Amino acid sequence: MILMKDIVRDGHPALRKKTQEMTFPLSEDDIQLANDLLEYVINSQDDKMVEKYKLRPGIGIAAPQVNAEKRMFALHLPDVENGNVSFVAVNPKIISHSVENTYITAGEGCLSVDEVIEGYVPRHARITATGFYPDGTPFKKRLKGLAAIAFQHELDHLNGIMFYDHIDKVNPYAEVPNSVPYDRA
């Protein structure tokens, strides 16, 4: 089971490495990692588990965040506008995206970043993504809103990019062109 002590923090070199494509079939260790990543985000949204294990709530976690140089991440967003989104993506890609952008009005957070970093993080409002489930089954998903934002955030981790890299350094709250704000409330 992944605990907060297992999650590397901002500044750790694993967070800035671009991961390589994985090959199938996945090893038993890689399948276990996939299960552990998904288990973490599910547990981190359960109040009893959060209290018992001192977990920080999250909706996504990428393998590099647990110091694993693997091209996979887990998302768990129950009851969002896309329906229940709960899966592990292996070798994910965005194959198309909307011209329209979005951003979370309260800003983004990250399990690997302990402090609050203020500012708008521009993201595509809608994406079409492909990849594989850990068992090798391919998927194609159309995501919007928070699910699209989270997918892009986690995909960035696989490319060594942190969410705050997207924030305007001069004016963190600069208007994001051609966008519709996303309010998590």
N, C-alpha and C. Protein backbone atom coordinates (compact mmCIF):
# COMPACT_ATOMS: atom_id res chain seq x y z
N MET A 1 0.84 -1.19 0.00
CA MET A 1 0.00 0.00 0.00
C MET A 1 0.89 1.25 0.00
N ILE A 2 0.59 2.18 -0.90
CA ILE A 2 1.34 3.43 -0.97
C ILE A 2 0.88 4.36 0.15
N LEU A 3 1.85 4.91 0.86
CA LEU A 3 1.57 5.90 1.91
C LEU A 3 2.26 7.20 1.54
N MET A 4 1.99 8.27 2.26
CA MET A 4 2.58 9.57 1.95
C MET A 4 4.11 9.51 1.98
N LYS A 5 4.68 8.68 2.84
CA LYS A 5 6.14 8.58 2.91
C LYS A 5 6.74 8.01 1.62
N ASP A 6 5.91 7.32 0.82
CA ASP A 6 6.38 6.71 -0.42
C ASP A 6 6.35 7.69 -1.60
N ILE A 7 5.67 8.82 -1.42
CA ILE A 7 5.51 9.79 -2.51
C ILE A 7 6.67 10.78 -2.47
N VAL A 8 7.42 10.84 -3.57
CA VAL A 8 8.56 11.75 -3.62
C VAL A 8 8.06 13.19 -3.71
N ARG A 9 8.86 14.10 -3.17
CA ARG A 9 8.45 15.50 -3.12
C ARG A 9 9.18 16.34 -4.14
N ASP A 10 8.61 17.51 -4.38
CA ASP A 10 9.14 18.47 -5.33
C ASP A 10 10.64 18.62 -5.13
N GLY A 11 11.39 18.58 -6.22
CA GLY A 11 12.84 18.65 -6.16
C GLY A 11 13.50 17.30 -6.38
N HIS A 12 12.73 16.21 -6.19
CA HIS A 12 13.28 14.87 -6.41
C HIS A 12 13.50 14.68 -7.91
N PRO A 13 14.66 14.14 -8.32
CA PRO A 13 14.96 14.00 -9.75
C PRO A 13 13.95 13.16 -10.54
N ALA A 14 13.27 12.21 -9.90
CA ALA A 14 12.30 11.37 -10.61
C ALA A 14 11.17 12.20 -11.22
N LEU A 15 10.87 13.34 -10.61
CA LEU A 15 9.76 14.17 -11.08
C LEU A 15 10.11 14.96 -12.35
N ARG A 16 11.38 14.98 -12.72
CA ARG A 16 11.80 15.74 -13.90
C ARG A 16 12.29 14.86 -15.05
N LYS A 17 12.14 13.53 -14.89
CA LYS A 17 12.55 12.61 -15.94
C LYS A 17 11.37 12.28 -16.85
N LYS A 18 11.65 12.19 -18.14
CA LYS A 18 10.63 11.73 -19.08
C LYS A 18 10.67 10.20 -19.10
N THR A 19 9.52 9.59 -18.88
CA THR A 19 9.47 8.13 -18.85
C THR A 19 9.40 7.56 -20.26
N GLN A 20 9.84 6.32 -20.40
CA GLN A 20 9.83 5.62 -21.69
C GLN A 20 8.58 4.74 -21.79
N GLU A 21 8.17 4.48 -23.02
CA GLU A 21 7.02 3.59 -23.26
C GLU A 21 7.27 2.23 -22.60
N MET A 22 6.20 1.66 -22.07
CA MET A 22 6.28 0.34 -21.44
C MET A 22 5.93 -0.72 -22.48
N THR A 23 6.43 -1.93 -22.27
CA THR A 23 6.11 -3.03 -23.19
C THR A 23 5.17 -4.01 -22.50
N PHE A 24 4.36 -4.68 -23.32
CA PHE A 24 3.40 -5.65 -22.82
C PHE A 24 3.85 -7.05 -23.20
N PRO A 25 3.52 -8.07 -22.41
CA PRO A 25 2.76 -7.94 -21.17
C PRO A 25 3.59 -7.28 -20.07
N LEU A 26 2.89 -6.57 -19.19
CA LEU A 26 3.58 -5.94 -18.06
C LEU A 26 4.09 -7.03 -17.10
N SER A 27 5.17 -6.71 -16.42
CA SER A 27 5.69 -7.64 -15.41
C SER A 27 4.74 -7.67 -14.21
N GLU A 28 4.90 -8.67 -13.38
CA GLU A 28 4.07 -8.75 -12.16
C GLU A 28 4.29 -7.52 -11.29
N ASP A 29 5.54 -7.04 -11.23
CA ASP A 29 5.84 -5.84 -10.43
C ASP A 29 5.13 -4.61 -10.99
N ASP A 30 5.09 -4.49 -12.32
CA ASP A 30 4.42 -3.34 -12.93
C ASP A 30 2.90 -3.41 -12.72
N ILE A 31 2.34 -4.61 -12.79
CA ILE A 31 0.90 -4.77 -12.52
C ILE A 31 0.61 -4.42 -11.07
N GLN A 32 1.49 -4.83 -10.16
CA GLN A 32 1.31 -4.49 -8.75
C GLN A 32 1.38 -2.98 -8.55
N LEU A 33 2.33 -2.32 -9.22
CA LEU A 33 2.44 -0.86 -9.14
C LEU A 33 1.16 -0.20 -9.63
N ALA A 34 0.62 -0.68 -10.74
CA ALA A 34 -0.64 -0.13 -11.28
C ALA A 34 -1.76 -0.26 -10.24
N ASN A 35 -1.87 -1.43 -9.64
CA ASN A 35 -2.89 -1.65 -8.61
C ASN A 35 -2.67 -0.74 -7.41
N ASP A 36 -1.41 -0.58 -7.01
CA ASP A 36 -1.09 0.26 -5.85
C ASP A 36 -1.43 1.73 -6.12
N LEU A 37 -1.15 2.21 -7.33
CA LEU A 37 -1.46 3.60 -7.67
C LEU A 37 -2.96 3.85 -7.59
N LEU A 38 -3.73 2.95 -8.19
CA LEU A 38 -5.19 3.12 -8.16
C LEU A 38 -5.72 2.99 -6.73
N GLU A 39 -5.17 2.05 -5.99
CA GLU A 39 -5.59 1.88 -4.59
C GLU A 39 -5.34 3.15 -3.80
N TYR A 40 -4.20 3.82 -4.05
CA TYR A 40 -3.91 5.05 -3.31
C TYR A 40 -4.98 6.11 -3.55
N VAL A 41 -5.31 6.39 -4.82
CA VAL A 41 -6.28 7.46 -5.06
C VAL A 41 -7.67 7.10 -4.55
N ILE A 42 -8.03 5.83 -4.61
CA ILE A 42 -9.32 5.41 -4.05
C ILE A 42 -9.30 5.59 -2.53
N ASN A 43 -8.26 5.08 -1.87
CA ASN A 43 -8.16 5.21 -0.41
C ASN A 43 -8.09 6.67 0.04
N SER A 44 -7.42 7.50 -0.76
CA SER A 44 -7.23 8.90 -0.37
C SER A 44 -8.53 9.71 -0.43
N GLN A 45 -9.57 9.11 -0.98
CA GLN A 45 -10.88 9.78 -1.03
C GLN A 45 -11.85 9.18 -0.01
N ASP A 46 -11.35 8.28 0.81
CA ASP A 46 -12.15 7.63 1.85
C ASP A 46 -11.73 8.23 3.19
N ASP A 47 -12.63 8.95 3.83
CA ASP A 47 -12.31 9.68 5.07
C ASP A 47 -11.67 8.78 6.14
N LYS A 48 -12.17 7.55 6.28
CA LYS A 48 -11.62 6.64 7.29
C LYS A 48 -10.18 6.26 6.97
N MET A 49 -9.90 5.99 5.68
CA MET A 49 -8.54 5.62 5.27
C MET A 49 -7.59 6.82 5.40
N VAL A 50 -8.10 8.01 5.05
CA VAL A 50 -7.29 9.23 5.16
C VAL A 50 -6.85 9.43 6.60
N GLU A 51 -7.81 9.27 7.52
CA GLU A 51 -7.49 9.47 8.94
C GLU A 51 -6.57 8.37 9.47
N LYS A 52 -6.86 7.12 9.13
CA LYS A 52 -6.09 5.99 9.64
C LYS A 52 -4.64 6.02 9.16
N TYR A 53 -4.43 6.34 7.85
CA TYR A 53 -3.09 6.27 7.27
C TYR A 53 -2.47 7.64 6.98
N LYS A 54 -3.16 8.71 7.39
CA LYS A 54 -2.65 10.08 7.18
C LYS A 54 -2.36 10.35 5.70
N LEU A 55 -3.33 10.00 4.85
CA LEU A 55 -3.18 10.18 3.41
C LEU A 55 -3.61 11.59 3.01
N ARG A 56 -2.97 12.14 1.99
CA ARG A 56 -3.43 13.39 1.41
C ARG A 56 -4.39 13.03 0.27
N PRO A 57 -5.59 13.58 0.28
CA PRO A 57 -6.53 13.25 -0.78
C PRO A 57 -6.01 13.67 -2.15
N GLY A 58 -6.29 12.81 -3.14
CA GLY A 58 -5.89 13.09 -4.51
C GLY A 58 -6.81 12.39 -5.47
N ILE A 59 -6.82 12.87 -6.71
CA ILE A 59 -7.65 12.24 -7.75
C ILE A 59 -6.77 11.53 -8.79
N GLY A 60 -5.47 11.75 -8.71
CA GLY A 60 -4.56 11.10 -9.63
C GLY A 60 -3.17 10.98 -9.03
N ILE A 61 -2.45 9.98 -9.50
CA ILE A 61 -1.05 9.80 -9.09
C ILE A 61 -0.32 9.08 -10.22
N ALA A 62 0.88 9.54 -10.51
CA ALA A 62 1.68 8.97 -11.58
C ALA A 62 2.85 8.18 -10.99
N ALA A 63 3.29 7.18 -11.74
CA ALA A 63 4.39 6.32 -11.27
C ALA A 63 5.63 7.11 -10.85
N PRO A 64 6.05 8.16 -11.58
CA PRO A 64 7.23 8.90 -11.13
C PRO A 64 7.08 9.50 -9.72
N GLN A 65 5.85 9.70 -9.28
CA GLN A 65 5.63 10.26 -7.94
C GLN A 65 5.97 9.27 -6.83
N VAL A 66 6.11 8.00 -7.18
CA VAL A 66 6.58 7.01 -6.21
C VAL A 66 7.94 6.47 -6.64
N ASN A 67 8.68 7.32 -7.37
CA ASN A 67 10.04 7.04 -7.80
C ASN A 67 10.13 5.80 -8.70
N ALA A 68 9.10 5.61 -9.53
CA ALA A 68 9.10 4.51 -10.49
C ALA A 68 9.12 5.12 -11.89
N GLU A 69 10.16 4.80 -12.64
CA GLU A 69 10.30 5.36 -13.99
C GLU A 69 9.47 4.54 -14.97
N LYS A 70 8.16 4.62 -14.80
CA LYS A 70 7.21 3.85 -15.60
C LYS A 70 6.19 4.82 -16.21
N ARG A 71 5.77 4.55 -17.44
CA ARG A 71 4.83 5.43 -18.13
C ARG A 71 3.39 5.00 -17.82
N MET A 72 2.98 5.27 -16.59
CA MET A 72 1.61 4.94 -16.17
C MET A 72 1.16 5.86 -15.05
N PHE A 73 -0.15 6.05 -15.00
CA PHE A 73 -0.74 6.80 -13.89
C PHE A 73 -2.14 6.27 -13.62
N ALA A 74 -2.65 6.62 -12.43
CA ALA A 74 -4.01 6.23 -12.04
C ALA A 74 -4.85 7.48 -11.83
N LEU A 75 -6.11 7.40 -12.23
CA LEU A 75 -7.09 8.46 -11.96
C LEU A 75 -8.30 7.82 -11.29
N HIS A 76 -8.87 8.55 -10.33
CA HIS A 76 -10.11 8.10 -9.69
C HIS A 76 -10.95 9.34 -9.39
N LEU A 77 -11.99 9.52 -10.21
CA LEU A 77 -12.91 10.65 -10.03
C LEU A 77 -14.34 10.11 -10.08
N PRO A 78 -14.88 9.72 -8.94
CA PRO A 78 -16.24 9.20 -8.95
C PRO A 78 -17.25 10.33 -9.18
N ASP A 79 -18.30 10.01 -9.89
CA ASP A 79 -19.44 10.93 -10.07
C ASP A 79 -19.04 12.29 -10.64
N VAL A 80 -18.24 12.30 -11.69
CA VAL A 80 -17.94 13.55 -12.37
C VAL A 80 -18.77 13.62 -13.65
N GLU A 81 -18.64 14.73 -14.36
CA GLU A 81 -19.45 14.93 -15.56
C GLU A 81 -19.23 13.86 -16.62
N ASN A 82 -18.16 13.08 -16.51
CA ASN A 82 -17.89 12.01 -17.48
C ASN A 82 -18.41 10.66 -16.99
N GLY A 83 -19.12 10.64 -15.88
CA GLY A 83 -19.47 9.37 -15.25
C GLY A 83 -18.31 8.99 -14.34
N ASN A 84 -18.32 7.78 -13.83
CA ASN A 84 -17.25 7.34 -12.93
C ASN A 84 -15.97 7.13 -13.74
N VAL A 85 -14.93 7.89 -13.42
CA VAL A 85 -13.64 7.75 -14.09
C VAL A 85 -12.68 7.13 -13.08
N SER A 86 -12.31 5.88 -13.30
CA SER A 86 -11.42 5.19 -12.37
C SER A 86 -10.65 4.14 -13.16
N PHE A 87 -9.37 4.43 -13.44
CA PHE A 87 -8.59 3.52 -14.25
C PHE A 87 -7.10 3.83 -14.12
N VAL A 88 -6.29 2.88 -14.57
CA VAL A 88 -4.85 3.08 -14.71
C VAL A 88 -4.57 3.17 -16.20
N ALA A 89 -3.84 4.21 -16.59
CA ALA A 89 -3.45 4.41 -17.99
C ALA A 89 -1.98 4.07 -18.15
N VAL A 90 -1.69 3.19 -19.10
CA VAL A 90 -0.32 2.82 -19.44
C VAL A 90 -0.05 3.36 -20.85
N ASN A 91 1.10 4.01 -21.03
CA ASN A 91 1.47 4.62 -22.31
C ASN A 91 0.38 5.56 -22.84
N PRO A 92 -0.15 6.44 -21.99
CA PRO A 92 -1.24 7.32 -22.44
C PRO A 92 -0.76 8.40 -23.40
N LYS A 93 -1.68 8.80 -24.28
CA LYS A 93 -1.41 9.88 -25.24
C LYS A 93 -2.68 10.70 -25.41
N ILE A 94 -2.52 11.97 -25.70
CA ILE A 94 -3.65 12.80 -26.11
C ILE A 94 -3.57 12.87 -27.63
N ILE A 95 -4.63 12.39 -28.30
CA ILE A 95 -4.60 12.37 -29.77
C ILE A 95 -5.33 13.56 -30.38
N SER A 96 -6.19 14.20 -29.60
CA SER A 96 -6.82 15.44 -30.07
C SER A 96 -7.32 16.20 -28.85
N HIS A 97 -7.50 17.51 -29.05
CA HIS A 97 -7.98 18.34 -27.95
C HIS A 97 -8.76 19.52 -28.49
N SER A 98 -9.56 20.11 -27.62
CA SER A 98 -10.36 21.26 -28.00
C SER A 98 -9.48 22.49 -28.18
N VAL A 99 -9.97 23.42 -28.95
CA VAL A 99 -9.31 24.72 -29.06
C VAL A 99 -9.55 25.49 -27.76
N GLU A 100 -10.73 25.27 -27.20
CA GLU A 100 -11.09 25.93 -25.95
C GLU A 100 -10.23 25.41 -24.79
N ASN A 101 -9.81 26.31 -23.94
CA ASN A 101 -9.03 25.96 -22.76
C ASN A 101 -9.87 26.04 -21.51
N THR A 102 -9.30 25.62 -20.41
CA THR A 102 -9.93 25.73 -19.11
C THR A 102 -8.84 25.83 -18.06
N TYR A 103 -9.22 26.10 -16.85
CA TYR A 103 -8.31 26.10 -15.71
C TYR A 103 -9.15 26.01 -14.45
N ILE A 104 -8.59 25.45 -13.40
CA ILE A 104 -9.29 25.36 -12.12
C ILE A 104 -9.14 26.71 -11.42
N THR A 105 -10.26 27.33 -11.09
CA THR A 105 -10.21 28.68 -10.51
C THR A 105 -9.44 28.73 -9.19
N ALA A 106 -9.47 27.65 -8.43
CA ALA A 106 -8.75 27.60 -7.15
C ALA A 106 -7.30 27.17 -7.33
N GLY A 107 -6.90 26.86 -8.57
CA GLY A 107 -5.54 26.39 -8.84
C GLY A 107 -5.44 24.89 -8.70
N GLU A 108 -4.33 24.34 -9.16
CA GLU A 108 -4.09 22.90 -9.06
C GLU A 108 -3.19 22.60 -7.87
N GLY A 109 -3.28 21.38 -7.40
CA GLY A 109 -2.40 20.90 -6.36
C GLY A 109 -1.77 19.61 -6.83
N CYS A 110 -0.87 19.09 -6.01
CA CYS A 110 -0.14 17.88 -6.39
C CYS A 110 0.32 17.16 -5.13
N LEU A 111 0.22 15.85 -5.13
CA LEU A 111 0.66 15.07 -3.98
C LEU A 111 2.15 15.22 -3.72
N SER A 112 2.92 15.59 -4.74
CA SER A 112 4.36 15.77 -4.58
C SER A 112 4.76 17.19 -4.22
N VAL A 113 3.80 18.09 -4.15
CA VAL A 113 4.09 19.48 -3.83
C VAL A 113 3.38 19.83 -2.53
N ASP A 114 4.17 20.08 -1.49
CA ASP A 114 3.60 20.29 -0.16
C ASP A 114 3.01 21.69 0.03
N GLU A 115 3.57 22.68 -0.65
CA GLU A 115 3.06 24.04 -0.46
C GLU A 115 2.00 24.37 -1.51
N VAL A 116 1.20 25.37 -1.23
CA VAL A 116 0.21 25.86 -2.19
C VAL A 116 0.94 26.78 -3.17
N ILE A 117 0.79 26.51 -4.46
CA ILE A 117 1.37 27.37 -5.49
C ILE A 117 0.21 27.99 -6.23
N GLU A 118 0.07 29.30 -6.08
CA GLU A 118 -1.08 30.00 -6.63
C GLU A 118 -0.89 30.32 -8.10
N GLY A 119 -2.02 30.33 -8.80
CA GLY A 119 -2.02 30.72 -10.21
C GLY A 119 -2.87 29.77 -11.04
N TYR A 120 -3.20 30.26 -12.22
CA TYR A 120 -4.01 29.47 -13.15
C TYR A 120 -3.10 28.57 -13.99
N VAL A 121 -3.53 27.33 -14.16
CA VAL A 121 -2.80 26.35 -14.97
C VAL A 121 -3.65 26.08 -16.22
N PRO A 122 -3.27 26.65 -17.36
CA PRO A 122 -4.07 26.44 -18.57
C PRO A 122 -4.04 24.98 -19.02
N ARG A 123 -5.23 24.47 -19.32
CA ARG A 123 -5.38 23.10 -19.81
C ARG A 123 -6.39 23.10 -20.96
N HIS A 124 -6.38 22.05 -21.77
CA HIS A 124 -7.41 21.90 -22.79
C HIS A 124 -8.71 21.52 -22.10
N ALA A 125 -9.83 22.11 -22.54
CA ALA A 125 -11.12 21.85 -21.91
C ALA A 125 -11.62 20.43 -22.19
N ARG A 126 -11.33 19.93 -23.38
CA ARG A 126 -11.75 18.58 -23.76
C ARG A 126 -10.59 17.89 -24.48
N ILE A 127 -10.45 16.61 -24.21
CA ILE A 127 -9.38 15.83 -24.86
C ILE A 127 -9.92 14.48 -25.32
N THR A 128 -9.27 13.91 -26.31
CA THR A 128 -9.46 12.51 -26.66
C THR A 128 -8.11 11.85 -26.40
N ALA A 129 -8.16 10.83 -25.57
CA ALA A 129 -6.93 10.18 -25.12
C ALA A 129 -6.96 8.69 -25.45
N THR A 130 -5.78 8.16 -25.71
CA THR A 130 -5.65 6.72 -25.92
C THR A 130 -4.58 6.20 -24.96
N GLY A 131 -4.55 4.91 -24.84
CA GLY A 131 -3.56 4.25 -24.00
C GLY A 131 -3.98 2.81 -23.80
N PHE A 132 -3.44 2.22 -22.77
CA PHE A 132 -3.73 0.82 -22.48
C PHE A 132 -4.03 0.67 -21.00
N TYR A 133 -4.90 -0.29 -20.70
CA TYR A 133 -5.08 -0.70 -19.32
C TYR A 133 -3.93 -1.64 -18.99
N PRO A 134 -3.66 -1.88 -17.72
CA PRO A 134 -2.52 -2.75 -17.36
C PRO A 134 -2.56 -4.15 -17.97
N ASP A 135 -3.75 -4.64 -18.31
CA ASP A 135 -3.83 -5.98 -18.91
C ASP A 135 -3.53 -5.96 -20.41
N GLY A 136 -3.23 -4.77 -20.96
CA GLY A 136 -2.88 -4.65 -22.38
C GLY A 136 -4.05 -4.26 -23.27
N THR A 137 -5.24 -4.17 -22.72
CA THR A 137 -6.41 -3.76 -23.50
C THR A 137 -6.30 -2.28 -23.85
N PRO A 138 -6.44 -1.93 -25.14
CA PRO A 138 -6.35 -0.52 -25.51
C PRO A 138 -7.63 0.23 -25.11
N PHE A 139 -7.50 1.54 -24.88
CA PHE A 139 -8.68 2.36 -24.63
C PHE A 139 -8.59 3.65 -25.43
N LYS A 140 -9.75 4.24 -25.64
CA LYS A 140 -9.88 5.57 -26.23
C LYS A 140 -10.97 6.26 -25.44
N LYS A 141 -10.64 7.41 -24.84
CA LYS A 141 -11.58 8.11 -23.97
C LYS A 141 -11.71 9.56 -24.39
N ARG A 142 -12.93 10.06 -24.31
CA ARG A 142 -13.18 11.48 -24.48
C ARG A 142 -13.46 12.03 -23.09
N LEU A 143 -12.64 12.96 -22.66
CA LEU A 143 -12.77 13.51 -21.31
C LEU A 143 -12.96 15.02 -21.38
N LYS A 144 -13.68 15.55 -20.40
CA LYS A 144 -13.87 16.99 -20.31
C LYS A 144 -13.83 17.39 -18.84
N GLY A 145 -13.75 18.69 -18.61
CA GLY A 145 -13.79 19.19 -17.25
C GLY A 145 -12.66 18.66 -16.39
N LEU A 146 -12.98 18.32 -15.14
CA LEU A 146 -11.97 17.90 -14.18
C LEU A 146 -11.23 16.64 -14.63
N ALA A 147 -11.92 15.70 -15.27
CA ALA A 147 -11.25 14.48 -15.73
C ALA A 147 -10.19 14.81 -16.79
N ALA A 148 -10.51 15.72 -17.71
CA ALA A 148 -9.54 16.14 -18.74
C ALA A 148 -8.36 16.85 -18.10
N ILE A 149 -8.64 17.72 -17.13
CA ILE A 149 -7.58 18.46 -16.43
C ILE A 149 -6.66 17.47 -15.71
N ALA A 150 -7.25 16.52 -14.98
CA ALA A 150 -6.46 15.55 -14.21
C ALA A 150 -5.62 14.67 -15.14
N PHE A 151 -6.20 14.25 -16.26
CA PHE A 151 -5.45 13.42 -17.22
C PHE A 151 -4.22 14.19 -17.71
N GLN A 152 -4.40 15.46 -18.05
CA GLN A 152 -3.28 16.28 -18.53
C GLN A 152 -2.23 16.49 -17.44
N HIS A 153 -2.67 16.69 -16.20
CA HIS A 153 -1.76 16.88 -15.06
C HIS A 153 -0.89 15.63 -14.90
N GLU A 154 -1.52 14.45 -14.91
CA GLU A 154 -0.77 13.20 -14.71
C GLU A 154 0.13 12.89 -15.91
N LEU A 155 -0.36 13.16 -17.11
CA LEU A 155 0.46 12.95 -18.30
C LEU A 155 1.71 13.83 -18.24
N ASP A 156 1.56 15.06 -17.75
CA ASP A 156 2.72 15.93 -17.56
C ASP A 156 3.78 15.26 -16.68
N HIS A 157 3.34 14.58 -15.61
CA HIS A 157 4.30 13.89 -14.72
C HIS A 157 5.14 12.88 -15.51
N LEU A 158 4.54 12.23 -16.48
CA LEU A 158 5.26 11.23 -17.26
C LEU A 158 6.27 11.87 -18.20
N ASN A 159 6.15 13.17 -18.39
CA ASN A 159 7.06 13.93 -19.26
C ASN A 159 7.97 14.86 -18.48
N GLY A 160 8.01 14.69 -17.15
CA GLY A 160 8.91 15.50 -16.33
C GLY A 160 8.46 16.94 -16.15
N ILE A 161 7.17 17.19 -16.31
CA ILE A 161 6.62 18.54 -16.21
C ILE A 161 5.77 18.64 -14.95
N MET A 162 5.95 19.72 -14.20
CA MET A 162 5.14 19.97 -13.01
C MET A 162 4.05 20.99 -13.36
N PHE A 163 2.92 20.92 -12.65
CA PHE A 163 1.80 21.80 -12.96
C PHE A 163 2.18 23.27 -12.94
N TYR A 164 3.06 23.64 -12.01
CA TYR A 164 3.40 25.06 -11.87
C TYR A 164 4.27 25.57 -13.01
N ASP A 165 4.81 24.66 -13.84
CA ASP A 165 5.57 25.08 -15.02
C ASP A 165 4.66 25.83 -16.00
N HIS A 166 3.36 25.58 -15.93
CA HIS A 166 2.39 26.21 -16.84
C HIS A 166 1.89 27.56 -16.34
N ILE A 167 2.16 27.90 -15.10
CA ILE A 167 1.65 29.15 -14.52
C ILE A 167 2.46 30.33 -15.03
N ASP A 168 1.77 31.40 -15.42
CA ASP A 168 2.43 32.63 -15.88
C ASP A 168 3.29 33.17 -14.74
N LYS A 169 4.59 33.25 -14.97
CA LYS A 169 5.53 33.66 -13.90
C LYS A 169 5.36 35.13 -13.51
N VAL A 170 4.99 35.97 -14.47
CA VAL A 170 4.85 37.40 -14.21
C VAL A 170 3.51 37.71 -13.53
N ASN A 171 2.44 37.11 -14.05
CA ASN A 171 1.11 37.34 -13.51
C ASN A 171 0.40 35.99 -13.37
N PRO A 172 0.53 35.34 -12.20
CA PRO A 172 -0.03 33.99 -12.01
C PRO A 172 -1.54 33.91 -12.27
N TYR A 173 -2.24 35.03 -12.11
CA TYR A 173 -3.68 35.03 -12.33
C TYR A 173 -4.06 35.72 -13.63
N ALA A 174 -3.13 35.71 -14.59
CA ALA A 174 -3.42 36.30 -15.90
C ALA A 174 -4.57 35.53 -16.54
N GLU A 175 -5.42 36.26 -17.24
CA GLU A 175 -6.53 35.64 -17.92
C GLU A 175 -6.00 34.60 -18.91
N VAL A 176 -6.61 33.43 -18.93
CA VAL A 176 -6.22 32.37 -19.84
C VAL A 176 -7.04 32.56 -21.12
N PRO A 177 -6.37 32.84 -22.24
CA PRO A 177 -7.10 33.09 -23.48
C PRO A 177 -8.00 31.93 -23.89
N ASN A 178 -9.14 32.29 -24.48
CA ASN A 178 -10.06 31.31 -25.05
C ASN A 178 -10.39 30.19 -24.05
N SER A 179 -10.79 30.59 -22.85
CA SER A 179 -11.03 29.57 -21.82
C SER A 179 -12.34 29.78 -21.09
N VAL A 180 -12.80 28.66 -20.50
CA VAL A 180 -13.94 28.67 -19.62
C VAL A 180 -13.42 28.14 -18.29
N PRO A 181 -13.46 28.95 -17.23
CA PRO A 181 -12.94 28.49 -15.94
C PRO A 181 -13.70 27.28 -15.41
N TYR A 182 -13.00 26.42 -14.71
CA TYR A 182 -13.61 25.27 -14.06
C TYR A 182 -13.59 25.55 -12.56
N ASP A 183 -14.79 25.54 -11.97
CA ASP A 183 -14.91 25.79 -10.53
C ASP A 183 -15.23 24.47 -9.85
N ARG A 184 -14.32 24.00 -9.00
CA ARG A 184 -14.48 22.69 -8.35
C ARG A 184 -15.58 22.68 -7.30
N ALA A 185 -16.02 23.85 -6.86
CA ALA A 185 -17.01 23.91 -5.78
C ALA A 185 -18.35 23.35 -6.20
